[in-house]
Amino acid sequence: MIPESISFLRREWSLLKRQDSDAEACFICWKHRGDITLPGGVLYEDDLVSVGHMWGGEGPAYLGYLMVELKRHVPGLADQTDEEAQALGVLVARLSRALKASEGAEHIYLFVFGDHVPHLHMHLVPRYPGTPQAYWGTRVDEWPDAPRGDASVVEVVCERLRQWLAQEQVRSQ
C-alpha cells in the first residue's frame, strides 16, 4: 500500500517500490554510488552518512525537504551501529539548525518509515511560518502555498545550507 501522507512516495512509487534488500537493487545505494544524481547534489557526506535534498522529479519540490541516509546498506534503526546512530543524531541536529537559520523554518519534522526502501534513511522536513495546522506533520509537503521550487531553486537552497553548515563548523572550532 502506498502511504497517503507523503506525496513524493505517491509520485515516485514506480522507482521506490523495490523490496529487494540487496544493495545492488537499492535506490539509496544507487545515489551513493553516483548512478543517480539529484538537484542540489550532496549537502554533506562523510564515511557514515550522506544528506541531499528530496527531489520527486515532477513539478516543483518542497524546499528544504532533506534525506539523511546511512552510507552503509542496512534496513532499519535497529541495524545501525552506535557510531552510525551518533553520526545521524549529530547531523540531524545540525541540519535542523541550518533549516531554521538559513531557510526560516519554524519547526522541523523527522520521519523514519522504511517500509518501501530497505535502506535506513530519515526524512528531515521543515514546516514554514503560516502553514495551516491541517497540514502539520506528515502532510506538511501537501500545503498548496508551501515554498516550492524547480531544480535551479533547489540548487540555491542547497548552497545556502552548505554555507551555513560550513560557517557553523568554523564557529565550533
Protein backbone atom coordinates (compact mmCIF):
# COMPACT_ATOMS: atom_id res chain seq x y z
CA MET A 1 0.00 0.00 0.00
CA ILE A 2 1.31 3.45 -0.87
CA PRO A 3 1.25 5.87 2.10
CA GLU A 4 -1.29 8.62 1.54
CA SER A 5 0.52 11.21 3.64
CA ILE A 6 3.84 11.77 1.87
CA SER A 7 3.19 12.96 -1.65
CA PHE A 8 6.63 12.14 -3.06
CA LEU A 9 6.05 8.44 -2.39
CA ARG A 10 2.91 8.53 -4.50
CA ARG A 11 4.76 10.28 -7.35
CA GLU A 12 7.83 8.08 -7.20
CA TRP A 13 6.23 4.75 -6.34
CA SER A 14 7.40 3.03 -9.50
CA LEU A 15 11.03 3.74 -8.57
CA LEU A 16 10.75 3.23 -4.82
CA LYS A 17 8.68 0.06 -4.75
CA ARG A 18 11.71 -2.23 -4.89
CA GLN A 19 11.59 -4.54 -1.89
CA ASP A 20 14.94 -6.27 -2.54
CA SER A 21 17.31 -5.62 0.37
CA ASP A 22 20.35 -6.20 -1.83
CA ALA A 23 22.44 -3.06 -2.16
CA GLU A 24 22.63 -3.64 -5.91
CA ALA A 25 18.88 -3.07 -6.19
CA CYS A 26 18.70 -0.21 -3.66
CA PHE A 27 17.67 3.28 -4.78
CA ILE A 28 19.69 4.91 -1.98
CA CYS A 29 22.79 2.86 -2.76
CA TRP A 30 22.41 3.92 -6.40
CA LYS A 31 22.61 7.56 -5.25
CA HIS A 32 25.67 6.89 -3.08
CA ARG A 33 27.45 5.20 -6.00
CA GLY A 34 26.66 8.16 -8.27
CA ASP A 35 24.31 6.20 -10.54
CA ILE A 36 21.60 8.76 -9.77
CA THR A 37 22.20 12.47 -9.32
CA LEU A 38 19.63 14.85 -7.89
CA PRO A 39 19.37 18.65 -7.94
CA GLY A 40 21.44 20.21 -5.19
CA GLY A 41 23.82 17.27 -5.08
CA VAL A 42 25.21 16.04 -1.80
CA LEU A 43 24.82 18.60 1.01
CA TYR A 44 27.05 16.74 3.41
CA GLU A 45 28.86 13.43 3.35
CA ASP A 46 31.37 11.56 5.44
CA ASP A 47 32.26 7.88 5.85
CA LEU A 48 28.99 7.12 7.67
CA VAL A 49 26.25 9.46 6.47
CA SER A 50 25.07 11.43 3.47
CA VAL A 51 22.39 14.08 3.00
CA GLY A 52 20.73 15.62 -0.02
CA HIS A 53 17.57 17.44 -0.99
CA MET A 54 14.46 15.46 -1.83
CA TRP A 55 13.53 15.55 -5.50
CA GLY A 56 10.37 13.94 -6.86
CA GLY A 57 11.05 14.81 -10.47
CA GLU A 58 7.53 16.01 -11.22
CA GLY A 59 6.73 19.64 -10.64
CA PRO A 60 8.40 21.87 -8.09
CA ALA A 61 9.98 20.38 -4.95
CA TYR A 62 9.04 21.22 -1.37
CA LEU A 63 12.01 23.37 -0.39
CA GLY A 64 14.23 22.22 2.44
CA TYR A 65 12.98 18.60 2.42
CA LEU A 66 16.16 16.69 3.16
CA MET A 67 17.01 12.99 3.05
CA VAL A 68 19.54 11.91 5.68
CA GLU A 69 20.93 8.48 4.87
CA LEU A 70 23.39 5.99 6.24
CA LYS A 71 26.11 5.19 3.72
CA ARG A 72 26.15 1.53 4.75
CA HIS A 73 23.24 -0.53 3.43
CA VAL A 74 21.19 -1.51 6.50
CA PRO A 75 17.41 -1.86 6.58
CA GLY A 76 16.42 -0.05 9.76
CA LEU A 77 17.13 1.74 13.02
CA ALA A 78 17.91 -1.44 14.94
CA ASP A 79 20.56 -2.41 12.39
CA GLN A 80 22.78 0.66 12.73
CA THR A 81 25.91 0.74 14.86
CA ASP A 82 26.23 3.10 17.81
CA GLU A 83 28.74 5.11 15.79
CA GLU A 84 26.26 5.44 12.90
CA ALA A 85 23.44 6.39 15.29
CA GLN A 86 25.61 9.10 16.83
CA ALA A 87 26.60 10.45 13.41
CA LEU A 88 22.95 10.55 12.29
CA GLY A 89 21.85 12.28 15.50
CA VAL A 90 24.50 14.98 15.33
CA LEU A 91 23.85 15.58 11.63
CA VAL A 92 20.08 15.81 12.10
CA ALA A 93 20.58 18.41 14.84
CA ARG A 94 22.97 20.47 12.69
CA LEU A 95 20.66 20.29 9.66
CA SER A 96 17.67 21.29 11.79
CA ARG A 97 19.53 24.38 12.99
CA ALA A 98 20.52 25.15 9.40
CA LEU A 99 16.91 24.89 8.16
CA LYS A 100 15.74 27.26 10.89
CA ALA A 101 18.53 29.81 10.47
CA SER A 102 19.00 29.68 6.71
CA GLU A 103 15.53 28.87 5.40
CA GLY A 104 13.30 30.38 8.11
CA ALA A 105 11.64 27.12 9.17
CA GLU A 106 9.63 27.36 12.37
CA HIS A 107 9.59 23.63 13.13
CA ILE A 108 11.43 20.58 11.86
CA TYR A 109 9.93 17.11 11.46
CA LEU A 110 11.91 13.89 11.36
CA PHE A 111 10.27 10.81 9.86
CA VAL A 112 11.62 7.28 9.55
CA PHE A 113 9.39 4.91 7.60
CA GLY A 114 11.48 2.18 5.98
CA ASP A 115 8.54 0.24 4.61
CA HIS A 116 9.32 0.69 0.91
CA VAL A 117 13.06 1.32 0.72
CA PRO A 118 15.00 -1.08 2.97
CA HIS A 119 17.96 1.25 3.50
CA LEU A 120 17.96 3.37 6.66
CA HIS A 121 17.10 6.94 5.75
CA MET A 122 15.39 9.81 7.52
CA HIS A 123 13.10 12.46 6.10
CA LEU A 124 14.00 15.83 7.64
CA VAL A 125 11.19 18.19 6.70
CA PRO A 126 10.79 21.86 7.66
CA ARG A 127 7.49 23.49 8.47
CA TYR A 128 7.36 27.11 7.41
CA PRO A 129 5.56 30.03 9.09
CA GLY A 130 1.93 30.28 8.06
CA THR A 131 1.46 26.56 7.45
CA PRO A 132 -2.14 25.77 8.39
CA GLN A 133 -2.42 23.26 11.22
CA ALA A 134 -4.33 20.90 8.91
CA TYR A 135 -1.01 20.37 7.09
CA TRP A 136 1.22 19.87 10.13
CA GLY A 137 3.06 16.57 10.41
CA THR A 138 3.31 14.12 7.55
CA ARG A 139 1.08 16.29 5.33
CA VAL A 140 3.30 19.39 5.52
CA ASP A 141 4.56 18.94 1.95
CA GLU A 142 0.96 18.90 0.65
CA TRP A 143 0.26 22.52 1.67
CA PRO A 144 -0.54 24.29 -1.62
CA ASP A 145 1.15 27.56 -0.56
CA ALA A 146 4.35 25.94 0.75
CA PRO A 147 7.69 27.16 -0.56
CA ARG A 148 8.49 25.15 -3.70
CA GLY A 149 10.97 25.41 -6.49
CA ASP A 150 12.38 23.79 -9.59
CA ALA A 151 15.84 22.24 -9.82
CA SER A 152 17.57 25.62 -10.01
CA VAL A 153 15.87 26.83 -6.82
CA VAL A 154 16.71 23.57 -5.04
CA GLU A 155 20.36 24.16 -6.03
CA VAL A 156 20.25 27.62 -4.42
CA VAL A 157 18.68 26.29 -1.21
CA CYS A 158 21.31 23.54 -1.04
CA GLU A 159 24.11 26.03 -1.49
CA ARG A 160 22.74 28.23 1.34
CA LEU A 161 22.54 25.18 3.61
CA ARG A 162 26.09 24.13 2.71
CA GLN A 163 27.35 27.62 3.53
CA TRP A 164 25.52 27.66 6.86
CA LEU A 165 26.92 24.25 7.78
CA ALA A 166 30.45 25.35 6.82
CA GLN A 167 30.14 28.54 8.90
CA GLU A 168 28.82 26.57 11.88
CA GLN A 169 31.80 24.21 11.58
CA VAL A 170 34.18 27.19 11.74
CA ARG A 171 32.31 28.71 14.72
CA SER A 172 32.50 25.45 16.67
CA GLN A 173 36.28 25.11 16.30
